[in-house]
């Protein structure tokens, strides 16, 4: 009865062991010769001028989260759209309810002024 689970446990063990071995080998075998040039901060191969730490506005993170929510919505709706002609009525209504809930969330964010770019 436990035979299928042995295979899954073995697969999980090997899946965790291989990356761990690769990371450990890299840490052990890599050359460690730090110098001033390697430790300097640069972007795109160009030396930075002025302050290198720039704090981003929180609005950027909100935009990113809203994008992720609607990107995931698209992932959930693609299979529904492909099988649209084969779906029963309650399945279509569930998809419409899903879209309405997300639209309500977008309307709430819009009403709260989260989408203002200021």
PDB file of N, CA and C in Angstrom:
ATOM      1  N   UNK A   1       0.808  -1.188   0.000  1.00  0.00           N
ATOM      2  CA  UNK A   1       0.000   0.000   0.000  1.00  0.00           C
ATOM      3  C   UNK A   1       0.861   1.265   0.000  1.00  0.00           C
ATOM      4  N   UNK A   2       2.056   1.199   0.529  1.00  0.00           N
ATOM      5  CA  UNK A   2       2.917   2.370   0.585  1.00  0.00           C
ATOM      6  C   UNK A   2       3.877   2.478  -0.595  1.00  0.00           C
ATOM      7  N   UNK A   3       3.838   1.552  -1.532  1.00  0.00           N
ATOM      8  CA  UNK A   3       4.786   1.575  -2.650  1.00  0.00           C
ATOM      9  C   UNK A   3       4.731   2.848  -3.475  1.00  0.00           C
ATOM     10  N   UNK A   4       3.567   3.395  -3.839  1.00  0.00           N
ATOM     11  CA  UNK A   4       3.582   4.649  -4.606  1.00  0.00           C
ATOM     12  C   UNK A   4       4.190   5.807  -3.804  1.00  0.00           C
ATOM     13  N   UNK A   5       4.016   5.808  -2.498  1.00  0.00           N
ATOM     14  CA  UNK A   5       4.548   6.890  -1.682  1.00  0.00           C
ATOM     15  C   UNK A   5       6.058   6.805  -1.537  1.00  0.00           C
ATOM     16  N   UNK A   6       6.606   5.604  -1.636  1.00  0.00           N
ATOM     17  CA  UNK A   6       8.066   5.450  -1.569  1.00  0.00           C
ATOM     18  C   UNK A   6       8.702   6.149  -2.769  1.00  0.00           C
ATOM     19  N   UNK A   7       8.123   5.991  -3.927  1.00  0.00           N
ATOM     20  CA  UNK A   7       8.642   6.651  -5.126  1.00  0.00           C
ATOM     21  C   UNK A   7       8.572   8.168  -4.973  1.00  0.00           C
ATOM     22  N   UNK A   8       7.472   8.676  -4.452  1.00  0.00           N
ATOM     23  CA  UNK A   8       7.314  10.125  -4.270  1.00  0.00           C
ATOM     24  C   UNK A   8       8.326  10.636  -3.240  1.00  0.00           C
ATOM     25  N   UNK A   9       8.520   9.897  -2.144  1.00  0.00           N
ATOM     26  CA  UNK A   9       9.494  10.304  -1.134  1.00  0.00           C
ATOM     27  C   UNK A   9      10.903  10.296  -1.705  1.00  0.00           C
ATOM     28  N   UNK A  10      11.230   9.282  -2.505  1.00  0.00           N
ATOM     29  CA  UNK A  10      12.539   9.214  -3.141  1.00  0.00           C
ATOM     30  C   UNK A  10      12.734  10.375  -4.106  1.00  0.00           C
ATOM     31  N   UNK A  11      11.727  10.684  -4.870  1.00  0.00           N
ATOM     32  CA  UNK A  11      11.801  11.796  -5.816  1.00  0.00           C
ATOM     33  C   UNK A  11      11.980  13.126  -5.081  1.00  0.00           C
ATOM     34  N   UNK A  12      11.247  13.330  -3.995  1.00  0.00           N
ATOM     35  CA  UNK A  12      11.406  14.557  -3.206  1.00  0.00           C
ATOM     36  C   UNK A  12      12.799  14.651  -2.590  1.00  0.00           C
ATOM     37  N   UNK A  13      13.296  13.532  -2.093  1.00  0.00           N
ATOM     38  CA  UNK A  13      14.634  13.523  -1.505  1.00  0.00           C
ATOM     39  C   UNK A  13      15.708  13.874  -2.508  1.00  0.00           C
ATOM     40  N   UNK A  14      15.649  13.255  -3.683  1.00  0.00           N
ATOM     41  CA  UNK A  14      16.631  13.559  -4.727  1.00  0.00           C
ATOM     42  C   UNK A  14      16.450  14.992  -5.218  1.00  0.00           C
ATOM     43  N   UNK A  15      15.199  15.442  -5.315  1.00  0.00           N
ATOM     44  CA  UNK A  15      14.940  16.810  -5.755  1.00  0.00           C
ATOM     45  C   UNK A  15      15.478  17.847  -4.795  1.00  0.00           C
ATOM     46  N   UNK A  16      15.566  17.539  -3.528  1.00  0.00           N
ATOM     47  CA  UNK A  16      16.143  18.468  -2.559  1.00  0.00           C
ATOM     48  C   UNK A  16      17.654  18.297  -2.434  1.00  0.00           C
ATOM     49  N   UNK A  17      18.130  17.088  -2.637  1.00  0.00           N
ATOM     50  CA  UNK A  17      19.552  16.806  -2.474  1.00  0.00           C
ATOM     51  C   UNK A  17      20.389  17.393  -3.610  1.00  0.00           C
ATOM     52  N   UNK A  18      19.949  17.251  -4.836  1.00  0.00           N
ATOM     53  CA  UNK A  18      20.752  17.707  -5.968  1.00  0.00           C
ATOM     54  C   UNK A  18      21.037  19.205  -5.949  1.00  0.00           C
ATOM     55  N   UNK A  19      20.057  20.069  -5.766  1.00  0.00           N
ATOM     56  CA  UNK A  19      20.392  21.496  -5.687  1.00  0.00           C
ATOM     57  C   UNK A  19      21.279  21.820  -4.482  1.00  0.00           C
ATOM     58  N   UNK A  20      21.048  21.137  -3.367  1.00  0.00           N
ATOM     59  CA  UNK A  20      21.882  21.370  -2.194  1.00  0.00           C
ATOM     60  C   UNK A  20      23.340  20.996  -2.446  1.00  0.00           C
ATOM     61  N   UNK A  21      23.559  19.882  -3.117  1.00  0.00           N
ATOM     62  CA  UNK A  21      24.918  19.460  -3.450  1.00  0.00           C
ATOM     63  C   UNK A  21      25.556  20.453  -4.412  1.00  0.00           C
ATOM     64  N   UNK A  22      24.816  20.927  -5.396  1.00  0.00           N
ATOM     65  CA  UNK A  22      25.362  21.885  -6.356  1.00  0.00           C
ATOM     66  C   UNK A  22      25.733  23.207  -5.674  1.00  0.00           C
ATOM     67  N   UNK A  23      24.890  23.681  -4.785  1.00  0.00           N
ATOM     68  CA  UNK A  23      25.185  24.937  -4.079  1.00  0.00           C
ATOM     69  C   UNK A  23      26.387  24.758  -3.151  1.00  0.00           C
ATOM     70  N   UNK A  24      26.448  23.634  -2.443  1.00  0.00           N
ATOM     71  CA  UNK A  24      27.579  23.381  -1.552  1.00  0.00           C
ATOM     72  C   UNK A  24      28.878  23.250  -2.342  1.00  0.00           C
ATOM     73  N   UNK A  25      28.853  22.567  -3.481  1.00  0.00           N
ATOM     74  CA  UNK A  25      30.057  22.429  -4.302  1.00  0.00           C
ATOM     75  C   UNK A  25      30.506  23.785  -4.820  1.00  0.00           C
ATOM     76  N   UNK A  26      29.587  24.627  -5.222  1.00  0.00           N
ATOM     77  CA  UNK A  26      29.946  25.957  -5.683  1.00  0.00           C
ATOM     78  C   UNK A  26      30.589  26.759  -4.557  1.00  0.00           C
ATOM     79  N   UNK A  27      30.026  26.674  -3.363  1.00  0.00           N
ATOM     80  CA  UNK A  27      30.565  27.429  -2.238  1.00  0.00           C
ATOM     81  C   UNK A  27      31.963  26.928  -1.860  1.00  0.00           C
ATOM     82  N   UNK A  28      32.172  25.592  -1.912  1.00  0.00           N
ATOM     83  CA  UNK A  28      33.463  25.025  -1.533  1.00  0.00           C
ATOM     84  C   UNK A  28      34.541  25.232  -2.593  1.00  0.00           C
ATOM     85  N   UNK A  29      34.185  25.130  -3.867  1.00  0.00           N
ATOM     86  CA  UNK A  29      35.184  25.121  -4.929  1.00  0.00           C
ATOM     87  C   UNK A  29      35.431  26.474  -5.577  1.00  0.00           C
ATOM     88  N   UNK A  30      34.574  27.447  -5.339  1.00  0.00           N
ATOM     89  CA  UNK A  30      34.736  28.735  -6.016  1.00  0.00           C
ATOM     90  C   UNK A  30      35.915  29.507  -5.433  1.00  0.00           C
ATOM     91  N   UNK A  31      36.639  30.238  -6.307  1.00  0.00           N
ATOM     92  CA  UNK A  31      37.749  31.049  -5.790  1.00  0.00           C
ATOM     93  C   UNK A  31      37.213  32.240  -4.996  1.00  0.00           C
ATOM     94  N   UNK A  32      37.902  32.549  -3.913  1.00  0.00           N
ATOM     95  CA  UNK A  32      37.490  33.662  -3.057  1.00  0.00           C
ATOM     96  C   UNK A  32      38.634  34.663  -3.003  1.00  0.00           C
ATOM     97  N   UNK A  33      38.617  35.605  -3.965  1.00  0.00           N
ATOM     98  CA  UNK A  33      39.664  36.619  -4.031  1.00  0.00           C
ATOM     99  C   UNK A  33      39.018  37.993  -4.118  1.00  0.00           C
ATOM    100  N   UNK A  34      38.434  38.485  -3.025  1.00  0.00           N
ATOM    101  CA  UNK A  34      37.791  39.795  -3.091  1.00  0.00           C
ATOM    102  C   UNK A  34      38.816  40.915  -3.233  1.00  0.00           C
ATOM    103  N   UNK A  35      38.428  41.951  -3.971  1.00  0.00           N
ATOM    104  CA  UNK A  35      39.255  43.149  -4.063  1.00  0.00           C
ATOM    105  C   UNK A  35      38.332  44.356  -4.213  1.00  0.00           C
ATOM    106  N   UNK A  36      38.904  45.526  -4.270  1.00  0.00           N
ATOM    107  CA  UNK A  36      38.108  46.756  -4.284  1.00  0.00           C
ATOM    108  C   UNK A  36      37.237  46.853  -5.534  1.00  0.00           C
ATOM    109  N   UNK A  37      37.735  46.406  -6.668  1.00  0.00           N
ATOM    110  CA  UNK A  37      36.961  46.506  -7.910  1.00  0.00           C
ATOM    111  C   UNK A  37      35.764  45.566  -7.869  1.00  0.00           C
ATOM    112  N   UNK A  38      35.950  44.355  -7.358  1.00  0.00           N
ATOM    113  CA  UNK A  38      34.830  43.412  -7.273  1.00  0.00           C
ATOM    114  C   UNK A  38      33.781  43.862  -6.268  1.00  0.00           C
ATOM    115  N   UNK A  39      34.177  44.597  -5.245  1.00  0.00           N
ATOM    116  CA  UNK A  39      33.246  45.032  -4.210  1.00  0.00           C
ATOM    117  C   UNK A  39      32.550  46.347  -4.556  1.00  0.00           C
ATOM    118  N   UNK A  40      32.966  47.007  -5.634  1.00  0.00           N
ATOM    119  CA  UNK A  40      32.369  48.306  -5.973  1.00  0.00           C
ATOM    120  C   UNK A  40      30.966  48.117  -6.548  1.00  0.00           C
ATOM    121  N   UNK A  41      30.132  49.144  -6.365  1.00  0.00           N
ATOM    122  CA  UNK A  41      28.767  49.119  -6.868  1.00  0.00           C
ATOM    123  C   UNK A  41      28.744  49.722  -8.264  1.00  0.00           C
ATOM    124  N   UNK A  42      28.126  49.027  -9.173  1.00  0.00           N
ATOM    125  CA  UNK A  42      27.978  49.539 -10.534  1.00  0.00           C
ATOM    126  C   UNK A  42      26.680  49.026 -11.113  1.00  0.00           C
ATOM    127  N   UNK A  43      26.231  49.677 -12.159  1.00  0.00           N
ATOM    128  CA  UNK A  43      25.025  49.235 -12.842  1.00  0.00           C
ATOM    129  C   UNK A  43      25.295  49.262 -14.336  1.00  0.00           C
ATOM    130  N   UNK A  44      25.067  48.167 -14.981  1.00  0.00           N
ATOM    131  CA  UNK A  44      25.276  48.036 -16.429  1.00  0.00           C
ATOM    132  C   UNK A  44      26.723  48.341 -16.810  1.00  0.00           C
ATOM    133  N   UNK A  45      27.658  48.035 -15.929  1.00  0.00           N
ATOM    134  CA  UNK A  45      29.066  48.250 -16.235  1.00  0.00           C
ATOM    135  C   UNK A  45      29.530  49.679 -16.076  1.00  0.00           C
ATOM    136  N   UNK A  46      28.682  50.561 -15.585  1.00  0.00           N
ATOM    137  CA  UNK A  46      29.040  51.967 -15.431  1.00  0.00           C
ATOM    138  C   UNK A  46      29.108  52.279 -13.939  1.00  0.00           C
ATOM    139  N   UNK A  47      30.135  52.988 -13.553  1.00  0.00           N
ATOM    140  CA  UNK A  47      30.296  53.389 -12.153  1.00  0.00           C
ATOM    141  C   UNK A  47      29.171  54.334 -11.751  1.00  0.00           C
ATOM    142  N   UNK A  48      28.594  54.133 -10.578  1.00  0.00           N
ATOM    143  CA  UNK A  48      27.498  54.982 -10.128  1.00  0.00           C
ATOM    144  C   UNK A  48      28.015  56.336  -9.655  1.00  0.00           C
ATOM    145  N   UNK A  49      27.154  57.326  -9.777  1.00  0.00           N
ATOM    146  CA  UNK A  49      27.486  58.670  -9.322  1.00  0.00           C
ATOM    147  C   UNK A  49      26.455  59.068  -8.281  1.00  0.00           C
ATOM    148  N   UNK A  50      26.888  59.502  -7.126  1.00  0.00           N
ATOM    149  CA  UNK A  50      25.963  59.921  -6.088  1.00  0.00           C
ATOM    150  C   UNK A  50      25.503  58.753  -5.242  1.00  0.00           C
ATOM    151  N   UNK A  51      24.321  58.927  -4.665  1.00  0.00           N
ATOM    152  CA  UNK A  51      23.752  57.921  -3.773  1.00  0.00           C
ATOM    153  C   UNK A  51      23.337  56.679  -4.562  1.00  0.00           C
ATOM    154  N   UNK A  52      23.759  55.511  -4.112  1.00  0.00           N
ATOM    155  CA  UNK A  52      23.424  54.279  -4.832  1.00  0.00           C
ATOM    156  C   UNK A  52      22.142  53.645  -4.330  1.00  0.00           C
ATOM    157  N   UNK A  53      21.670  54.030  -3.157  1.00  0.00           N
ATOM    158  CA  UNK A  53      20.443  53.465  -2.611  1.00  0.00           C
ATOM    159  C   UNK A  53      19.283  54.405  -2.928  1.00  0.00           C
ATOM    160  N   UNK A  54      18.316  53.895  -3.636  1.00  0.00           N
ATOM    161  CA  UNK A  54      17.143  54.680  -3.983  1.00  0.00           C
ATOM    162  C   UNK A  54      15.928  53.953  -3.427  1.00  0.00           C
ATOM    163  N   UNK A  55      15.135  54.632  -2.626  1.00  0.00           N
ATOM    164  CA  UNK A  55      13.951  54.019  -2.063  1.00  0.00           C
ATOM    165  C   UNK A  55      12.783  54.242  -3.018  1.00  0.00           C
ATOM    166  N   UNK A  56      12.112  53.166  -3.405  1.00  0.00           N
ATOM    167  CA  UNK A  56      10.985  53.260  -4.318  1.00  0.00           C
ATOM    168  C   UNK A  56       9.704  53.561  -3.551  1.00  0.00           C
ATOM    169  N   UNK A  57       8.776  54.188  -4.246  1.00  0.00           N
ATOM    170  CA  UNK A  57       7.480  54.475  -3.636  1.00  0.00           C
ATOM    171  C   UNK A  57       6.693  53.172  -3.442  1.00  0.00           C
ATOM    172  N   UNK A  58       5.853  53.160  -2.437  1.00  0.00           N
ATOM    173  CA  UNK A  58       5.015  51.995  -2.177  1.00  0.00           C
ATOM    174  C   UNK A  58       3.994  51.755  -3.266  1.00  0.00           C
ATOM    175  N   UNK A  59       3.654  52.812  -4.022  1.00  0.00           N
ATOM    176  CA  UNK A  59       2.662  52.671  -5.097  1.00  0.00           C
ATOM    177  C   UNK A  59       3.145  51.698  -6.167  1.00  0.00           C
ATOM    178  N   UNK A  60       4.447  51.622  -6.388  1.00  0.00           N
ATOM    179  CA  UNK A  60       4.957  50.690  -7.383  1.00  0.00           C
ATOM    180  C   UNK A  60       4.636  49.249  -6.990  1.00  0.00           C
ATOM    181  N   UNK A  61       4.730  48.949  -5.714  1.00  0.00           N
ATOM    182  CA  UNK A  61       4.428  47.601  -5.244  1.00  0.00           C
ATOM    183  C   UNK A  61       2.934  47.293  -5.390  1.00  0.00           C
ATOM    184  N   UNK A  62       2.099  48.288  -5.140  1.00  0.00           N
ATOM    185  CA  UNK A  62       0.657  48.087  -5.304  1.00  0.00           C
ATOM    186  C   UNK A  62       0.335  47.801  -6.769  1.00  0.00           C
ATOM    187  N   UNK A  63       0.946  48.551  -7.687  1.00  0.00           N
ATOM    188  CA  UNK A  63       0.742  48.281  -9.110  1.00  0.00           C
ATOM    189  C   UNK A  63       1.186  46.866  -9.463  1.00  0.00           C
ATOM    190  N   UNK A  64       2.306  46.459  -8.925  1.00  0.00           N
ATOM    191  CA  UNK A  64       2.802  45.109  -9.200  1.00  0.00           C
ATOM    192  C   UNK A  64       1.841  44.052  -8.669  1.00  0.00           C
ATOM    193  N   UNK A  65       1.311  44.262  -7.472  1.00  0.00           N
ATOM    194  CA  UNK A  65       0.372  43.293  -6.909  1.00  0.00           C
ATOM    195  C   UNK A  65      -0.920  43.225  -7.715  1.00  0.00           C
ATOM    196  N   UNK A  66      -1.414  44.377  -8.150  1.00  0.00           N
ATOM    197  CA  UNK A  66      -2.629  44.381  -8.965  1.00  0.00           C
ATOM    198  C   UNK A  66      -2.377  43.684 -10.300  1.00  0.00           C
ATOM    199  N   UNK A  67      -1.186  43.914 -10.882  1.00  0.00           N
ATOM    200  CA  UNK A  67      -0.847  43.219 -12.116  1.00  0.00           C
ATOM    201  C   UNK A  67      -0.814  41.714 -11.908  1.00  0.00           C
ATOM    202  N   UNK A  68      -0.222  41.266 -10.817  1.00  0.00           N
ATOM    203  CA  UNK A  68      -0.142  39.826 -10.547  1.00  0.00           C
ATOM    204  C   UNK A  68      -1.531  39.238 -10.372  1.00  0.00           C
ATOM    205  N   UNK A  69      -2.409  39.946  -9.679  1.00  0.00           N
ATOM    206  CA  UNK A  69      -3.775  39.441  -9.478  1.00  0.00           C
ATOM    207  C   UNK A  69      -4.467  39.246 -10.815  1.00  0.00           C
ATOM    208  N   UNK A  70      -4.364  40.223 -11.707  1.00  0.00           N
ATOM    209  CA  UNK A  70      -5.055  40.094 -12.983  1.00  0.00           C
ATOM    210  C   UNK A  70      -4.326  39.149 -13.936  1.00  0.00           C
ATOM    211  N   UNK A  71      -3.039  38.976 -13.751  1.00  0.00           N
ATOM    212  CA  UNK A  71      -2.317  37.989 -14.538  1.00  0.00           C
ATOM    213  C   UNK A  71      -2.760  36.581 -14.139  1.00  0.00           C
ATOM    214  N   UNK A  72      -2.907  36.341 -12.858  1.00  0.00           N
ATOM    215  CA  UNK A  72      -3.393  35.043 -12.388  1.00  0.00           C
ATOM    216  C   UNK A  72      -4.832  34.829 -12.826  1.00  0.00           C
ATOM    217  N   UNK A  73      -5.612  35.903 -12.842  1.00  0.00           N
ATOM    218  CA  UNK A  73      -6.988  35.786 -13.338  1.00  0.00           C
ATOM    219  C   UNK A  73      -6.990  35.290 -14.778  1.00  0.00           C
ATOM    220  N   UNK A  74      -6.101  35.831 -15.595  1.00  0.00           N
ATOM    221  CA  UNK A  74      -6.025  35.387 -16.984  1.00  0.00           C
ATOM    222  C   UNK A  74      -5.656  33.913 -17.068  1.00  0.00           C
ATOM    223  N   UNK A  75      -4.746  33.465 -16.213  1.00  0.00           N
ATOM    224  CA  UNK A  75      -4.352  32.050 -16.211  1.00  0.00           C
ATOM    225  C   UNK A  75      -5.537  31.161 -15.869  1.00  0.00           C
ATOM    226  N   UNK A  76      -6.377  31.602 -14.935  1.00  0.00           N
ATOM    227  CA  UNK A  76      -7.549  30.811 -14.573  1.00  0.00           C
ATOM    228  C   UNK A  76      -8.635  30.860 -15.657  1.00  0.00           C
ATOM    229  N   UNK A  77      -8.704  31.950 -16.399  1.00  0.00           N
ATOM    230  CA  UNK A  77      -9.778  32.092 -17.380  1.00  0.00           C
ATOM    231  C   UNK A  77      -9.442  31.479 -18.739  1.00  0.00           C
ATOM    232  N   UNK A  78      -8.184  31.250 -19.061  1.00  0.00           N
ATOM    233  CA  UNK A  78      -7.854  30.652 -20.355  1.00  0.00           C
ATOM    234  C   UNK A  78      -8.475  29.266 -20.537  1.00  0.00           C
ATOM    235  N   UNK A  79      -8.335  28.338 -19.588  1.00  0.00           N
ATOM    236  CA  UNK A  79      -8.983  27.035 -19.781  1.00  0.00           C
ATOM    237  C   UNK A  79     -10.506  27.155 -19.867  1.00  0.00           C
ATOM    238  N   UNK A  80     -11.077  28.071 -19.116  1.00  0.00           N
ATOM    239  CA  UNK A  80     -12.522  28.285 -19.172  1.00  0.00           C
ATOM    240  C   UNK A  80     -12.929  28.778 -20.554  1.00  0.00           C
ATOM    241  N   UNK A  81     -12.154  29.676 -21.133  1.00  0.00           N
ATOM    242  CA  UNK A  81     -12.483  30.205 -22.455  1.00  0.00           C
ATOM    243  C   UNK A  81     -12.342  29.142 -23.539  1.00  0.00           C
ATOM    244  N   UNK A  82     -11.371  28.266 -23.393  1.00  0.00           N
ATOM    245  CA  UNK A  82     -11.169  27.218 -24.395  1.00  0.00           C
ATOM    246  C   UNK A  82     -12.326  26.234 -24.398  1.00  0.00           C
ATOM    247  N   UNK A  83     -12.842  25.918 -23.220  1.00  0.00           N
ATOM    248  CA  UNK A  83     -13.912  24.926 -23.113  1.00  0.00           C
ATOM    249  C   UNK A  83     -15.283  25.580 -22.959  1.00  0.00           C
ATOM    250  N   UNK A  84     -15.429  26.817 -23.387  1.00  0.00           N
ATOM    251  CA  UNK A  84     -16.662  27.565 -23.159  1.00  0.00           C
ATOM    252  C   UNK A  84     -17.888  26.859 -23.735  1.00  0.00           C
ATOM    253  N   UNK A  85     -17.784  26.307 -24.928  1.00  0.00           N
ATOM    254  CA  UNK A  85     -18.953  25.682 -25.557  1.00  0.00           C
ATOM    255  C   UNK A  85     -19.332  24.343 -24.927  1.00  0.00           C
ATOM    256  N   UNK A  86     -18.471  23.785 -24.097  1.00  0.00           N
ATOM    257  CA  UNK A  86     -18.751  22.502 -23.449  1.00  0.00           C
ATOM    258  C   UNK A  86     -19.166  22.659 -21.984  1.00  0.00           C
ATOM    259  N   UNK A  87     -19.204  23.891 -21.479  1.00  0.00           N
ATOM    260  CA  UNK A  87     -19.489  24.118 -20.062  1.00  0.00           C
ATOM    261  C   UNK A  87     -20.983  24.127 -19.787  1.00  0.00           C
ATOM    262  N   UNK A  88     -21.313  23.718 -18.572  1.00  0.00           N
ATOM    263  CA  UNK A  88     -22.698  23.793 -18.135  1.00  0.00           C
ATOM    264  C   UNK A  88     -22.953  25.191 -17.570  1.00  0.00           C
ATOM    265  N   UNK A  89     -24.216  25.511 -17.362  1.00  0.00           N
ATOM    266  CA  UNK A  89     -24.596  26.860 -16.951  1.00  0.00           C
ATOM    267  C   UNK A  89     -23.959  27.266 -15.625  1.00  0.00           C
ATOM    268  N   UNK A  90     -23.924  26.371 -14.642  1.00  0.00           N
ATOM    269  CA  UNK A  90     -23.355  26.751 -13.347  1.00  0.00           C
ATOM    270  C   UNK A  90     -21.860  27.046 -13.454  1.00  0.00           C
ATOM    271  N   UNK A  91     -21.170  26.387 -14.374  1.00  0.00           N
ATOM    272  CA  UNK A  91     -19.746  26.659 -14.572  1.00  0.00           C
ATOM    273  C   UNK A  91     -19.526  28.050 -15.145  1.00  0.00           C
ATOM    274  N   UNK A  92     -20.377  28.444 -16.074  1.00  0.00           N
ATOM    275  CA  UNK A  92     -20.285  29.781 -16.646  1.00  0.00           C
ATOM    276  C   UNK A  92     -20.594  30.827 -15.571  1.00  0.00           C
ATOM    277  N   UNK A  93     -21.598  30.546 -14.751  1.00  0.00           N
ATOM    278  CA  UNK A  93     -21.946  31.488 -13.688  1.00  0.00           C
ATOM    279  C   UNK A  93     -20.833  31.612 -12.650  1.00  0.00           C
ATOM    280  N   UNK A  94     -20.134  30.541 -12.357  1.00  0.00           N
ATOM    281  CA  UNK A  94     -19.000  30.613 -11.432  1.00  0.00           C
ATOM    282  C   UNK A  94     -17.882  31.461 -12.008  1.00  0.00           C
ATOM    283  N   UNK A  95     -17.627  31.331 -13.296  1.00  0.00           N
ATOM    284  CA  UNK A  95     -16.593  32.152 -13.931  1.00  0.00           C
ATOM    285  C   UNK A  95     -17.000  33.621 -13.925  1.00  0.00           C
ATOM    286  N   UNK A  96     -18.267  33.890 -14.180  1.00  0.00           N
ATOM    287  CA  UNK A  96     -18.749  35.270 -14.139  1.00  0.00           C
ATOM    288  C   UNK A  96     -18.638  35.822 -12.722  1.00  0.00           C
ATOM    289  N   UNK A  97     -18.959  35.012 -11.718  1.00  0.00           N
ATOM    290  CA  UNK A  97     -18.818  35.435 -10.328  1.00  0.00           C
ATOM    291  C   UNK A  97     -17.354  35.734  -9.999  1.00  0.00           C
ATOM    292  N   UNK A  98     -16.442  34.922 -10.496  1.00  0.00           N
ATOM    293  CA  UNK A  98     -15.015  35.136 -10.310  1.00  0.00           C
ATOM    294  C   UNK A  98     -14.596  36.487 -10.890  1.00  0.00           C
ATOM    295  N   UNK A  99     -15.061  36.788 -12.080  1.00  0.00           N
ATOM    296  CA  UNK A  99     -14.728  38.062 -12.722  1.00  0.00           C
ATOM    297  C   UNK A  99     -15.351  39.221 -11.953  1.00  0.00           C
ATOM    298  N   UNK A 100     -16.566  39.063 -11.474  1.00  0.00           N
ATOM    299  CA  UNK A 100     -17.235  40.132 -10.719  1.00  0.00           C
ATOM    300  C   UNK A 100     -16.487  40.417  -9.414  1.00  0.00           C
ATOM    301  N   UNK A 101     -16.026  39.377  -8.741  1.00  0.00           N
ATOM    302  CA  UNK A 101     -15.273  39.579  -7.493  1.00  0.00           C
ATOM    303  C   UNK A 101     -13.985  40.347  -7.769  1.00  0.00           C
ATOM    304  N   UNK A 102     -13.283  39.982  -8.827  1.00  0.00           N
ATOM    305  CA  UNK A 102     -12.055  40.701  -9.157  1.00  0.00           C
ATOM    306  C   UNK A 102     -12.339  42.128  -9.605  1.00  0.00           C
ATOM    307  N   UNK A 103     -13.434  42.331 -10.331  1.00  0.00           N
ATOM    308  CA  UNK A 103     -13.803  43.690 -10.734  1.00  0.00           C
ATOM    309  C   UNK A 103     -14.163  44.539  -9.516  1.00  0.00           C
ATOM    310  N   UNK A 104     -14.809  43.935  -8.531  1.00  0.00           N
ATOM    311  CA  UNK A 104     -15.124  44.665  -7.301  1.00  0.00           C
ATOM    312  C   UNK A 104     -13.841  45.052  -6.566  1.00  0.00           C
ATOM    313  N   UNK A 105     -12.866  44.182  -6.554  1.00  0.00           N
ATOM    314  CA  UNK A 105     -11.572  44.510  -5.942  1.00  0.00           C
ATOM    315  C   UNK A 105     -10.876  45.645  -6.672  1.00  0.00           C
ATOM    316  N   UNK A 106     -10.942  45.634  -7.996  1.00  0.00           N
ATOM    317  CA  UNK A 106     -10.357  46.721  -8.782  1.00  0.00           C
ATOM    318  C   UNK A 106     -11.094  48.028  -8.534  1.00  0.00           C
ATOM    319  N   UNK A 107     -12.414  47.975  -8.458  1.00  0.00           N
ATOM    320  CA  UNK A 107     -13.197  49.188  -8.190  1.00  0.00           C
ATOM    321  C   UNK A 107     -12.872  49.725  -6.797  1.00  0.00           C
ATOM    322  N   UNK A 108     -12.684  48.840  -5.821  1.00  0.00           N
ATOM    323  CA  UNK A 108     -12.327  49.274  -4.476  1.00  0.00           C
ATOM    324  C   UNK A 108     -10.964  49.967  -4.478  1.00  0.00           C
ATOM    325  N   UNK A 109      -9.980  49.357  -5.166  1.00  0.00           N
ATOM    326  CA  UNK A 109      -8.644  49.964  -5.235  1.00  0.00           C
ATOM    327  C   UNK A 109      -8.708  51.310  -5.949  1.00  0.00           C
ATOM    328  N   UNK A 110      -9.499  51.397  -6.988  1.00  0.00           N
ATOM    329  CA  UNK A 110      -9.643  52.635  -7.734  1.00  0.00           C
ATOM    330  C   UNK A 110     -10.283  53.713  -6.865  1.00  0.00           C
ATOM    331  N   UNK A 111     -11.345  53.337  -6.128  1.00  0.00           N
ATOM    332  CA  UNK A 111     -12.047  54.291  -5.270  1.00  0.00           C
ATOM    333  C   UNK A 111     -11.150  54.786  -4.126  1.00  0.00           C
ATOM    334  N   UNK A 112     -10.280  53.918  -3.614  1.00  0.00           N
ATOM    335  CA  UNK A 112      -9.377  54.310  -2.545  1.00  0.00           C
ATOM    336  C   UNK A 112      -8.221  55.179  -3.035  1.00  0.00           C
ATOM    337  N   UNK A 113      -8.090  55.321  -4.369  1.00  0.00           N
ATOM    338  CA  UNK A 113      -7.031  56.154  -4.930  1.00  0.00           C
ATOM    339  C   UNK A 113      -5.689  55.457  -5.037  1.00  0.00           C
ATOM    340  N   UNK A 114      -5.686  54.130  -4.966  1.00  0.00           N
ATOM    341  CA  UNK A 114      -4.454  53.385  -5.053  1.00  0.00           C
ATOM    342  C   UNK A 114      -3.826  53.511  -6.439  1.00  0.00           C
ATOM    343  N   UNK A 115      -4.625  53.677  -7.460  1.00  0.00           N
ATOM    344  CA  UNK A 115      -4.130  53.708  -8.821  1.00  0.00           C
ATOM    345  C   UNK A 115      -3.688  55.101  -9.271  1.00  0.00           C
ATOM    346  N   UNK A 116      -3.705  56.071  -8.376  1.00  0.00           N
ATOM    347  CA  UNK A 116      -3.246  57.430  -8.731  1.00  0.00           C
ATOM    348  C   UNK A 116      -1.724  57.428  -8.802  1.00  0.00           C
ATOM    349  N   UNK A 117      -1.194  57.947  -9.884  1.00  0.00           N
ATOM    350  CA  UNK A 117       0.242  57.966 -10.093  1.00  0.00           C
ATOM    351  C   UNK A 117       0.776  59.328  -9.680  1.00  0.00           C
ATOM    352  N   UNK A 118       0.985  59.498  -8.379  1.00  0.00           N
ATOM    353  CA  UNK A 118       1.478  60.782  -7.864  1.00  0.00           C
ATOM    354  C   UNK A 118       2.695  60.568  -7.022  1.00  0.00           C
TER     355      UNK A 118
END
